[in-house]
PDB file of N, CA and C in Angstrom:
ATOM      1  N   MET A   1      27.307 -20.628   1.078  1.00  0.00           N
ATOM      2  CA  MET A   1      26.654 -19.748   0.291  1.00  0.00           C
ATOM      3  C   MET A   1      26.106 -20.397  -0.855  1.00  0.00           C
ATOM      4  N   PRO A   2      24.960 -20.135  -1.670  1.00  0.00           N
ATOM      5  CA  PRO A   2      24.559 -20.462  -2.749  1.00  0.00           C
ATOM      6  C   PRO A   2      25.621 -20.371  -4.018  1.00  0.00           C
ATOM      7  N   SER A   3      25.494 -21.054  -4.979  1.00  0.00           N
ATOM      8  CA  SER A   3      26.145 -20.927  -6.378  1.00  0.00           C
ATOM      9  C   SER A   3      25.381 -20.025  -7.066  1.00  0.00           C
ATOM     10  N   PHE A   4      26.071 -19.282  -8.243  1.00  0.00           N
ATOM     11  CA  PHE A   4      25.292 -18.326  -8.928  1.00  0.00           C
ATOM     12  C   PHE A   4      24.253 -19.134  -9.608  1.00  0.00           C
ATOM     13  N   GLY A   5      24.329 -20.559 -10.111  1.00  0.00           N
ATOM     14  CA  GLY A   5      23.170 -21.280 -10.749  1.00  0.00           C
ATOM     15  C   GLY A   5      22.228 -21.417  -9.700  1.00  0.00           C
ATOM     16  N   GLN A   6      22.366 -21.716  -8.417  1.00  0.00           N
ATOM     17  CA  GLN A   6      21.371 -21.746  -7.497  1.00  0.00           C
ATOM     18  C   GLN A   6      20.582 -20.362  -7.321  1.00  0.00           C
ATOM     19  N   PHE A   7      21.400 -19.343  -7.358  1.00  0.00           N
ATOM     20  CA  PHE A   7      20.713 -18.199  -7.177  1.00  0.00           C
ATOM     21  C   PHE A   7      19.811 -17.836  -8.489  1.00  0.00           C
ATOM     22  N   ILE A   8      20.263 -18.170  -9.733  1.00  0.00           N
ATOM     23  CA  ILE A   8      19.492 -17.967 -10.883  1.00  0.00           C
ATOM     24  C   ILE A   8      18.054 -18.866 -10.682  1.00  0.00           C
ATOM     25  N   VAL A   9      18.088 -20.107 -10.165  1.00  0.00           N
ATOM     26  CA  VAL A   9      16.939 -20.943  -9.868  1.00  0.00           C
ATOM     27  C   VAL A   9      16.052 -20.140  -9.011  1.00  0.00           C
ATOM     28  N   TRP A  10      16.531 -19.638  -7.947  1.00  0.00           N
ATOM     29  CA  TRP A  10      15.866 -18.920  -6.921  1.00  0.00           C
ATOM     30  C   TRP A  10      15.044 -17.803  -7.419  1.00  0.00           C
ATOM     31  N   VAL A  11      15.918 -17.015  -8.407  1.00  0.00           N
ATOM     32  CA  VAL A  11      14.958 -15.795  -9.008  1.00  0.00           C
ATOM     33  C   VAL A  11      14.032 -16.478  -9.804  1.00  0.00           C
ATOM     34  N   VAL A  12      14.050 -17.367 -10.948  1.00  0.00           N
ATOM     35  CA  VAL A  12      13.173 -17.835 -11.777  1.00  0.00           C
ATOM     36  C   VAL A  12      11.972 -18.524 -10.950  1.00  0.00           C
ATOM     37  N   ILE A  13      12.447 -19.519 -10.156  1.00  0.00           N
ATOM     38  CA  ILE A  13      11.186 -19.982  -9.108  1.00  0.00           C
ATOM     39  C   ILE A  13      10.515 -18.885  -8.216  1.00  0.00           C
ATOM     40  N   GLY A  14      11.281 -17.942  -7.889  1.00  0.00           N
ATOM     41  CA  GLY A  14      10.904 -16.760  -7.110  1.00  0.00           C
ATOM     42  C   GLY A  14       9.748 -16.100  -7.857  1.00  0.00           C
ATOM     43  N   LEU A  15       9.830 -15.751  -8.884  1.00  0.00           N
ATOM     44  CA  LEU A  15       8.920 -15.226  -9.835  1.00  0.00           C
ATOM     45  C   LEU A  15       7.377 -15.884  -9.818  1.00  0.00           C
ATOM     46  N   VAL A  16       7.668 -17.176  -9.873  1.00  0.00           N
ATOM     47  CA  VAL A  16       6.383 -18.013  -9.900  1.00  0.00           C
ATOM     48  C   VAL A  16       5.843 -18.066  -8.497  1.00  0.00           C
ATOM     49  N   GLY A  17       6.718 -18.125  -7.324  1.00  0.00           N
ATOM     50  CA  GLY A  17       6.338 -18.150  -5.883  1.00  0.00           C
ATOM     51  C   GLY A  17       5.587 -16.835  -5.542  1.00  0.00           C
ATOM     52  N   GLY A  18       6.082 -15.579  -6.206  1.00  0.00           N
ATOM     53  CA  GLY A  18       5.441 -14.434  -5.845  1.00  0.00           C
ATOM     54  C   GLY A  18       4.131 -14.214  -6.418  1.00  0.00           C
ATOM     55  N   GLY A  19       4.025 -14.768  -7.607  1.00  0.00           N
ATOM     56  CA  GLY A  19       2.451 -14.713  -8.265  1.00  0.00           C
ATOM     57  C   GLY A  19       1.705 -15.512  -7.533  1.00  0.00           C
ATOM     58  N   ILE A  20       2.179 -16.929  -6.969  1.00  0.00           N
ATOM     59  CA  ILE A  20       1.309 -17.761  -6.205  1.00  0.00           C
ATOM     60  C   ILE A  20       0.922 -17.073  -4.967  1.00  0.00           C
ATOM     61  N   VAL A  21       1.812 -16.676  -4.058  1.00  0.00           N
ATOM     62  CA  VAL A  21       1.416 -16.081  -2.904  1.00  0.00           C
ATOM     63  C   VAL A  21       0.726 -14.831  -3.163  1.00  0.00           C
ATOM     64  N   SER A  22       0.809 -13.896  -3.857  1.00  0.00           N
ATOM     65  CA  SER A  22      -0.047 -12.720  -4.232  1.00  0.00           C
ATOM     66  C   SER A  22      -1.411 -13.079  -4.553  1.00  0.00           C
ATOM     67  N   ARG A  23      -1.544 -14.275  -5.128  1.00  0.00           N
ATOM     68  CA  ARG A  23      -2.947 -14.621  -5.666  1.00  0.00           C
ATOM     69  C   ARG A  23      -3.646 -15.182  -4.334  1.00  0.00           C
ATOM     70  N   VAL A  24      -2.833 -15.905  -3.403  1.00  0.00           N
ATOM     71  CA  VAL A  24      -3.506 -16.686  -2.338  1.00  0.00           C
ATOM     72  C   VAL A  24      -3.734 -15.379  -1.287  1.00  0.00           C
ATOM     73  N   ILE A  25      -2.834 -14.359  -1.248  1.00  0.00           N
ATOM     74  CA  ILE A  25      -3.211 -13.371  -0.222  1.00  0.00           C
ATOM     75  C   ILE A  25      -4.571 -12.489  -0.676  1.00  0.00           C
ATOM     76  N   THR A  26      -4.428 -12.139  -2.074  1.00  0.00           N
ATOM     77  CA  THR A  26      -5.575 -11.178  -2.402  1.00  0.00           C
ATOM     78  C   THR A  26      -6.856 -11.843  -2.797  1.00  0.00           C
ATOM     79  N   TRP A  27      -6.622 -13.192  -3.277  1.00  0.00           N
ATOM     80  CA  TRP A  27      -7.833 -13.923  -3.695  1.00  0.00           C
ATOM     81  C   TRP A  27      -8.387 -13.436  -5.053  1.00  0.00           C
ATOM     82  N   ASP A  28      -7.157 -12.660  -5.923  1.00  0.00           N
ATOM     83  CA  ASP A  28      -7.653 -11.993  -6.996  1.00  0.00           C
ATOM     84  C   ASP A  28      -6.703 -12.540  -8.261  1.00  0.00           C
ATOM     85  N   SER A  29      -7.070 -12.893  -9.309  1.00  0.00           N
ATOM     86  CA  SER A  29      -6.442 -13.548 -10.568  1.00  0.00           C
ATOM     87  C   SER A  29      -5.165 -12.667 -10.629  1.00  0.00           C
ATOM     88  N   ILE A  30      -4.864 -11.489 -10.501  1.00  0.00           N
ATOM     89  CA  ILE A  30      -3.621 -10.595 -10.936  1.00  0.00           C
ATOM     90  C   ILE A  30      -2.912 -10.438  -9.632  1.00  0.00           C
ATOM     91  N   GLY A  31      -3.301 -10.766  -8.540  1.00  0.00           N
ATOM     92  CA  GLY A  31      -2.701 -10.568  -7.282  1.00  0.00           C
ATOM     93  C   GLY A  31      -2.374  -9.187  -7.072  1.00  0.00           C
ATOM     94  N   PHE A  32      -1.117  -8.846  -6.765  1.00  0.00           N
ATOM     95  CA  PHE A  32      -0.646  -7.241  -6.554  1.00  0.00           C
ATOM     96  C   PHE A  32      -0.488  -6.737  -7.725  1.00  0.00           C
ATOM     97  N   GLY A  33      -0.346  -7.303  -8.939  1.00  0.00           N
ATOM     98  CA  GLY A  33       0.010  -6.478 -10.143  1.00  0.00           C
ATOM     99  C   GLY A  33       1.270  -7.279 -10.375  1.00  0.00           C
ATOM    100  N   ARG A  34       1.846  -6.906 -11.835  1.00  0.00           N
ATOM    101  CA  ARG A  34       2.935  -7.654 -12.376  1.00  0.00           C
ATOM    102  C   ARG A  34       4.263  -7.266 -11.708  1.00  0.00           C
ATOM    103  N   TRP A  35       4.566  -6.125 -11.404  1.00  0.00           N
ATOM    104  CA  TRP A  35       5.829  -5.777 -10.944  1.00  0.00           C
ATOM    105  C   TRP A  35       5.927  -6.029  -9.534  1.00  0.00           C
ATOM    106  N   PRO A  36       4.717  -5.794  -8.664  1.00  0.00           N
ATOM    107  CA  PRO A  36       4.893  -6.111  -7.124  1.00  0.00           C
ATOM    108  C   PRO A  36       4.912  -7.643  -7.110  1.00  0.00           C
ATOM    109  N   ASN A  37       4.337  -8.336  -7.984  1.00  0.00           N
ATOM    110  CA  ASN A  37       4.407  -9.924  -7.856  1.00  0.00           C
ATOM    111  C   ASN A  37       5.718 -10.138  -8.039  1.00  0.00           C
ATOM    112  N   LEU A  38       6.497  -9.753  -8.997  1.00  0.00           N
ATOM    113  CA  LEU A  38       7.793 -10.058  -9.305  1.00  0.00           C
ATOM    114  C   LEU A  38       8.721  -9.665  -8.347  1.00  0.00           C
ATOM    115  N   ALA A  39       8.698  -8.517  -7.783  1.00  0.00           N
ATOM    116  CA  ALA A  39       9.569  -8.180  -6.432  1.00  0.00           C
ATOM    117  C   ALA A  39       9.256  -8.901  -5.435  1.00  0.00           C
ATOM    118  N   LEU A  40       7.978  -9.522  -5.033  1.00  0.00           N
ATOM    119  CA  LEU A  40       7.630 -10.159  -3.989  1.00  0.00           C
ATOM    120  C   LEU A  40       8.288 -11.527  -4.228  1.00  0.00           C
ATOM    121  N   GLY A  41       8.147 -12.220  -5.200  1.00  0.00           N
ATOM    122  CA  GLY A  41       8.881 -13.366  -5.736  1.00  0.00           C
ATOM    123  C   GLY A  41      10.397 -13.328  -5.516  1.00  0.00           C
ATOM    124  N   LEU A  42      11.071 -12.431  -6.000  1.00  0.00           N
ATOM    125  CA  LEU A  42      12.564 -12.383  -5.892  1.00  0.00           C
ATOM    126  C   LEU A  42      12.940 -12.179  -4.316  1.00  0.00           C
ATOM    127  N   ALA A  43      12.382 -11.162  -3.672  1.00  0.00           N
ATOM    128  CA  ALA A  43      12.545 -11.223  -2.317  1.00  0.00           C
ATOM    129  C   ALA A  43      12.408 -12.552  -1.526  1.00  0.00           C
ATOM    130  N   GLY A  44      11.147 -12.898  -1.729  1.00  0.00           N
ATOM    131  CA  GLY A  44      10.745 -14.371  -1.208  1.00  0.00           C
ATOM    132  C   GLY A  44      11.938 -15.415  -1.521  1.00  0.00           C
ATOM    133  N   ALA A  45      12.234 -15.418  -2.859  1.00  0.00           N
ATOM    134  CA  ALA A  45      13.033 -16.742  -3.225  1.00  0.00           C
ATOM    135  C   ALA A  45      14.612 -16.373  -2.690  1.00  0.00           C
ATOM    136  N   ILE A  46      14.856 -15.165  -2.500  1.00  0.00           N
ATOM    137  CA  ILE A  46      16.226 -14.864  -1.561  1.00  0.00           C
ATOM    138  C   ILE A  46      15.973 -15.312  -0.191  1.00  0.00           C
ATOM    139  N   VAL A  47      14.950 -14.837   0.435  1.00  0.00           N
ATOM    140  CA  VAL A  47      15.059 -15.148   1.942  1.00  0.00           C
ATOM    141  C   VAL A  47      14.763 -16.465   2.174  1.00  0.00           C
ATOM    142  N   GLY A  48      13.767 -17.058   1.419  1.00  0.00           N
ATOM    143  CA  GLY A  48      13.437 -18.608   1.567  1.00  0.00           C
ATOM    144  C   GLY A  48      14.831 -19.525   1.177  1.00  0.00           C
ATOM    145  N   GLY A  49      15.436 -19.144   0.133  1.00  0.00           N
ATOM    146  CA  GLY A  49      16.449 -20.029  -0.107  1.00  0.00           C
ATOM    147  C   GLY A  49      17.372 -19.742   0.871  1.00  0.00           C
ATOM    148  N   LEU A  50      17.955 -18.721   1.344  1.00  0.00           N
ATOM    149  CA  LEU A  50      18.932 -18.498   2.318  1.00  0.00           C
ATOM    150  C   LEU A  50      18.612 -19.375   3.617  1.00  0.00           C
ATOM    151  N   LEU A  51      17.102 -18.986   3.972  1.00  0.00           N
ATOM    152  CA  LEU A  51      16.666 -19.685   5.456  1.00  0.00           C
ATOM    153  C   LEU A  51      16.684 -21.023   5.013  1.00  0.00           C
ATOM    154  N   PHE A  52      16.182 -21.628   4.008  1.00  0.00           N
ATOM    155  CA  PHE A  52      16.341 -22.979   3.884  1.00  0.00           C
ATOM    156  C   PHE A  52      17.723 -23.767   3.878  1.00  0.00           C
ATOM    157  N   ARG A  53      18.376 -23.001   3.161  1.00  0.00           N
ATOM    158  CA  ARG A  53      20.201 -23.438   3.238  1.00  0.00           C
ATOM    159  C   ARG A  53      20.662 -23.451   4.765  1.00  0.00           C
ATOM    160  N   PHE A  54      20.376 -22.179   5.477  1.00  0.00           N
ATOM    161  CA  PHE A  54      21.039 -22.059   6.776  1.00  0.00           C
ATOM    162  C   PHE A  54      20.324 -23.005   7.821  1.00  0.00           C
ATOM    163  N   LEU A  55      19.025 -23.201   7.688  1.00  0.00           N
ATOM    164  CA  LEU A  55      18.370 -24.391   8.715  1.00  0.00           C
ATOM    165  C   LEU A  55      18.534 -25.650   8.161  1.00  0.00           C
ATOM    166  N   SER A  56      19.125 -26.023   7.012  1.00  0.00           N
ATOM    167  CA  SER A  56      19.252 -27.306   6.562  1.00  0.00           C
ATOM    168  C   SER A  56      17.712 -27.831   6.357  1.00  0.00           C
ATOM    169  N   ILE A  57      16.702 -27.354   5.870  1.00  0.00           N
ATOM    170  CA  ILE A  57      15.305 -27.815   5.752  1.00  0.00           C
ATOM    171  C   ILE A  57      15.399 -28.414   4.320  1.00  0.00           C
ATOM    172  N   TRP A  58      14.813 -29.613   4.205  1.00  0.00           N
ATOM    173  CA  TRP A  58      15.077 -30.501   3.135  1.00  0.00           C
ATOM    174  C   TRP A  58      16.219 -30.516   2.358  1.00  0.00           C
ATOM    175  N   PRO A  59      17.105 -30.913   2.684  1.00  0.00           N
ATOM    176  CA  PRO A  59      18.589 -30.758   1.738  1.00  0.00           C
ATOM    177  C   PRO A  59      18.406 -31.906   0.796  1.00  0.00           C
ATOM    178  N   GLU A  60      17.635 -33.091   0.988  1.00  0.00           N
ATOM    179  CA  GLU A  60      17.771 -34.235  -0.019  1.00  0.00           C
ATOM    180  C   GLU A  60      16.941 -33.746  -1.339  1.00  0.00           C
ATOM    181  N   LEU A  61      16.103 -32.614  -1.272  1.00  0.00           N
ATOM    182  CA  LEU A  61      15.449 -32.076  -2.459  1.00  0.00           C
ATOM    183  C   LEU A  61      16.275 -31.341  -3.638  1.00  0.00           C
ATOM    184  N   ASP A  62      17.552 -31.218  -3.092  1.00  0.00           N
ATOM    185  CA  ASP A  62      18.392 -30.368  -3.804  1.00  0.00           C
ATOM    186  C   ASP A  62      18.943 -31.247  -5.232  1.00  0.00           C
ATOM    187  N   ASN A  63      18.611 -32.452  -5.241  1.00  0.00           N
ATOM    188  CA  ASN A  63      19.024 -33.235  -6.188  1.00  0.00           C
ATOM    189  C   ASN A  63      18.549 -32.980  -7.606  1.00  0.00           C
ATOM    190  N   TYR A  64      17.570 -32.085  -7.710  1.00  0.00           N
ATOM    191  CA  TYR A  64      16.926 -31.926  -8.765  1.00  0.00           C
ATOM    192  C   TYR A  64      17.406 -30.196  -9.232  1.00  0.00           C
ATOM    193  N   SER A  65      17.345 -30.118 -10.600  1.00  0.00           N
ATOM    194  CA  SER A  65      17.945 -28.863 -11.039  1.00  0.00           C
ATOM    195  C   SER A  65      17.053 -27.725 -10.689  1.00  0.00           C
ATOM    196  N   VAL A  66      15.851 -27.804 -10.843  1.00  0.00           N
ATOM    197  CA  VAL A  66      14.947 -27.051 -10.217  1.00  0.00           C
ATOM    198  C   VAL A  66      14.045 -27.790  -9.165  1.00  0.00           C
ATOM    199  N   SER A  67      14.603 -27.773  -7.870  1.00  0.00           N
ATOM    200  CA  SER A  67      14.071 -28.737  -6.944  1.00  0.00           C
ATOM    201  C   SER A  67      12.538 -28.169  -6.168  1.00  0.00           C
ATOM    202  N   LEU A  68      12.158 -29.119  -5.888  1.00  0.00           N
ATOM    203  CA  LEU A  68      10.898 -28.841  -4.732  1.00  0.00           C
ATOM    204  C   LEU A  68      11.369 -27.900  -3.694  1.00  0.00           C
ATOM    205  N   ARG A  69      12.351 -28.210  -3.239  1.00  0.00           N
ATOM    206  CA  ARG A  69      12.934 -27.203  -2.097  1.00  0.00           C
ATOM    207  C   ARG A  69      12.712 -25.793  -2.552  1.00  0.00           C
ATOM    208  N   ASP A  70      13.294 -25.497  -3.750  1.00  0.00           N
ATOM    209  CA  ASP A  70      13.428 -24.131  -4.218  1.00  0.00           C
ATOM    210  C   ASP A  70      12.270 -23.571  -4.340  1.00  0.00           C
ATOM    211  N   ILE A  71      11.087 -24.446  -4.832  1.00  0.00           N
ATOM    212  CA  ILE A  71       9.669 -23.808  -4.848  1.00  0.00           C
ATOM    213  C   ILE A  71       9.095 -23.557  -3.476  1.00  0.00           C
ATOM    214  N   VAL A  72       9.274 -24.467  -2.742  1.00  0.00           N
ATOM    215  CA  VAL A  72       8.756 -24.201  -1.388  1.00  0.00           C
ATOM    216  C   VAL A  72       9.290 -23.263  -0.656  1.00  0.00           C
ATOM    217  N   ALA A  73      10.876 -23.058  -0.765  1.00  0.00           N
ATOM    218  CA  ALA A  73      11.455 -21.994  -0.181  1.00  0.00           C
ATOM    219  C   ALA A  73      10.941 -20.644  -0.684  1.00  0.00           C
ATOM    220  N   ALA A  74      10.924 -20.446  -2.006  1.00  0.00           N
ATOM    221  CA  ALA A  74      10.355 -19.232  -2.538  1.00  0.00           C
ATOM    222  C   ALA A  74       9.033 -18.730  -2.227  1.00  0.00           C
ATOM    223  N   VAL A  75       8.013 -19.730  -2.213  1.00  0.00           N
ATOM    224  CA  VAL A  75       6.811 -19.391  -1.403  1.00  0.00           C
ATOM    225  C   VAL A  75       6.687 -19.121  -0.070  1.00  0.00           C
ATOM    226  N   THR A  76       7.513 -19.852   0.715  1.00  0.00           N
ATOM    227  CA  THR A  76       7.787 -19.515   2.296  1.00  0.00           C
ATOM    228  C   THR A  76       8.308 -18.069   2.260  1.00  0.00           C
ATOM    229  N   GLY A  77       9.515 -17.750   1.690  1.00  0.00           N
ATOM    230  CA  GLY A  77      10.208 -16.607   1.770  1.00  0.00           C
ATOM    231  C   GLY A  77       9.300 -15.321   1.384  1.00  0.00           C
ATOM    232  N   SER A  78       8.363 -15.635   0.464  1.00  0.00           N
ATOM    233  CA  SER A  78       7.332 -14.583   0.012  1.00  0.00           C
ATOM    234  C   SER A  78       6.490 -14.437   1.089  1.00  0.00           C
ATOM    235  N   PHE A  79       5.944 -15.507   1.718  1.00  0.00           N
ATOM    236  CA  PHE A  79       5.130 -15.201   2.840  1.00  0.00           C
ATOM    237  C   PHE A  79       5.904 -14.360   4.106  1.00  0.00           C
ATOM    238  N   ILE A  80       7.105 -14.645   4.266  1.00  0.00           N
ATOM    239  CA  ILE A  80       7.788 -14.102   5.344  1.00  0.00           C
ATOM    240  C   ILE A  80       8.039 -12.559   4.780  1.00  0.00           C
ATOM    241  N   VAL A  81       8.452 -12.394   3.709  1.00  0.00           N
ATOM    242  CA  VAL A  81       8.580 -10.900   3.238  1.00  0.00           C
ATOM    243  C   VAL A  81       7.205 -10.186   3.532  1.00  0.00           C
ATOM    244  N   LEU A  82       6.122 -10.807   3.049  1.00  0.00           N
ATOM    245  CA  LEU A  82       4.827 -10.199   3.326  1.00  0.00           C
ATOM    246  C   LEU A  82       4.345  -9.993   4.805  1.00  0.00           C
ATOM    247  N   LEU A  83       4.873 -11.004   5.511  1.00  0.00           N
ATOM    248  CA  LEU A  83       4.542 -10.674   7.121  1.00  0.00           C
ATOM    249  C   LEU A  83       5.484  -9.586   7.766  1.00  0.00           C
ATOM    250  N   VAL A  84       6.873  -9.449   7.090  1.00  0.00           N
ATOM    251  CA  VAL A  84       7.594  -8.238   7.590  1.00  0.00           C
ATOM    252  C   VAL A  84       7.064  -6.913   6.956  1.00  0.00           C
ATOM    253  N   ILE A  85       6.477  -6.935   5.733  1.00  0.00           N
ATOM    254  CA  ILE A  85       5.868  -5.620   5.293  1.00  0.00           C
ATOM    255  C   ILE A  85       4.594  -5.372   6.126  1.00  0.00           C
ATOM    256  N   TRP A  86       3.882  -6.317   6.315  1.00  0.00           N
ATOM    257  CA  TRP A  86       2.670  -6.152   7.216  1.00  0.00           C
ATOM    258  C   TRP A  86       2.938  -5.520   8.638  1.00  0.00           C
ATOM    259  N   LEU A  87       3.951  -6.041   9.244  1.00  0.00           N
ATOM    260  CA  LEU A  87       4.427  -5.844  10.491  1.00  0.00           C
ATOM    261  C   LEU A  87       4.937  -4.349  10.564  1.00  0.00           C
ATOM    262  N   TRP A  88       5.712  -3.955   9.566  1.00  0.00           N
ATOM    263  CA  TRP A  88       6.633  -2.677   9.530  1.00  0.00           C
ATOM    264  C   TRP A  88       5.261  -1.702   9.143  1.00  0.00           C
ATOM    265  N   ARG A  89       4.287  -1.905   8.336  1.00  0.00           N
ATOM    266  CA  ARG A  89       3.304  -0.995   8.268  1.00  0.00           C
ATOM    267  C   ARG A  89       2.264  -0.934   9.526  1.00  0.00           C
ATOM    268  N   ASN A  90       2.037  -1.888  10.040  1.00  0.00           N
ATOM    269  CA  ASN A  90       1.292  -1.853  11.284  1.00  0.00           C
ATOM    270  C   ASN A  90       2.220  -1.072  12.519  1.00  0.00           C
ATOM    271  N   HIS A  91       3.317  -1.222  12.672  1.00  0.00           N
ATOM    272  CA  HIS A  91       4.267  -0.375  13.486  1.00  0.00           C
ATOM    273  C   HIS A  91       4.120   1.002  13.071  1.00  0.00           C
ATOM    274  N   GLN A  92       4.179   1.312  11.866  1.00  0.00           N
ATOM    275  CA  GLN A  92       4.282   2.821  11.453  1.00  0.00           C
ATOM    276  C   GLN A  92       3.014   3.285  11.581  1.00  0.00           C
ATOM    277  N   THR A  93       1.762   2.581  11.438  1.00  0.00           N
ATOM    278  CA  THR A  93       0.509   3.351  11.819  1.00  0.00           C
ATOM    279  C   THR A  93       0.346   3.361  13.235  1.00  0.00           C
ATOM    280  N   THR A  94       0.476   2.301  13.955  1.00  0.00           N
ATOM    281  CA  THR A  94       0.610   2.679  15.395  1.00  0.00           C
ATOM    282  C   THR A  94       1.169   3.749  16.042  1.00  0.00           C
ATOM    283  N   ALA A  95       2.578   3.989  15.339  1.00  0.00           N
ATOM    284  CA  ALA A  95       3.411   4.986  15.957  1.00  0.00           C
ATOM    285  C   ALA A  95       2.943   6.357  15.427  1.00  0.00           C
ATOM    286  N   ALA A  96       2.272   6.438  14.353  1.00  0.00           N
ATOM    287  CA  ALA A  96       1.750   7.665  13.691  1.00  0.00           C
ATOM    288  C   ALA A  96       0.448   8.156  14.597  1.00  0.00           C
ATOM    289  N   ASN A  97      -0.400   7.001  15.006  1.00  0.00           N
ATOM    290  CA  ASN A  97      -1.307   7.162  15.853  1.00  0.00           C
ATOM    291  C   ASN A  97      -1.111   7.878  17.141  1.00  0.00           C
ATOM    292  N   GLN A  98      -0.029   7.152  17.746  1.00  0.00           N
ATOM    293  CA  GLN A  98       0.582   7.432  19.047  1.00  0.00           C
ATOM    294  C   GLN A  98       1.226   8.942  19.136  1.00  0.00           C
ATOM    295  N   SER A  99       1.717   9.263  18.048  1.00  0.00           N
ATOM    296  CA  SER A  99       2.327  10.741  17.897  1.00  0.00           C
ATOM    297  C   SER A  99       1.095  11.720  17.663  1.00  0.00           C
ATOM    298  N   GLY A 100       0.171  11.310  17.127  1.00  0.00           N
ATOM    299  CA  GLY A 100      -1.051  12.196  16.885  1.00  0.00           C
ATOM    300  C   GLY A 100      -1.765  12.514  18.140  1.00  0.00           C
ATOM    301  N   ARG A 101      -1.847  11.286  19.062  1.00  0.00           N
ATOM    302  CA  ARG A 101      -2.382  11.428  20.251  1.00  0.00           C
ATOM    303  C   ARG A 101      -1.509  12.349  21.253  1.00  0.00           C
ATOM    304  N   ASP A 102      -0.474  12.162  21.048  1.00  0.00           N
ATOM    305  CA  ASP A 102       0.610  13.010  21.998  1.00  0.00           C
ATOM    306  C   ASP A 102       0.562  14.480  21.873  1.00  0.00           C
ATOM    307  N   ARG A 103       0.518  14.747  20.387  1.00  0.00           N
ATOM    308  CA  ARG A 103       0.281  16.198  20.052  1.00  0.00           C
ATOM    309  C   ARG A 103      -0.843  16.841  20.550  1.00  0.00           C
ATOM    310  N   SER A 104      -2.054  16.244  20.371  1.00  0.00           N
ATOM    311  CA  SER A 104      -3.209  16.655  20.710  1.00  0.00           C
ATOM    312  C   SER A 104      -3.268  16.836  22.157  1.00  0.00           C
ATOM    313  N   ASN A 105      -2.558  16.000  22.988  1.00  0.00           N
ATOM    314  CA  ASN A 105      -2.825  15.829  24.523  1.00  0.00           C
ATOM    315  C   ASN A 105      -1.785  16.986  25.092  1.00  0.00           C
ATOM    316  N   GLY A 106      -0.640  17.543  24.011  1.00  0.00           N
ATOM    317  CA  GLY A 106       0.259  18.399  24.740  1.00  0.00           C
ATOM    318  C   GLY A 106      -0.023  19.957  24.499  1.00  0.00           C
TER     319      GLY A 106
END
């Protein structure tokens, strides 16, 4: 498990990662907005940090107080969080459309 210090680094780097990912996805200078960018970055930092630790991805980059591994993990985690949100919304839309068709046919 990560130490408290590593968790704080993930949060700080995650805030930057969320801003980067939201700008890449939207191609807009403000991304999704201040608070959604922060939330995305925090979630991405936690997901990416745990994933990189669990899979032992680039452990040699841990030698830095704010490591390149933390930045890459935060950005990767943010993309994963966005993918999960997209899949969930897509599933909800598909389920709602299917439910509407069932009612109209019944």
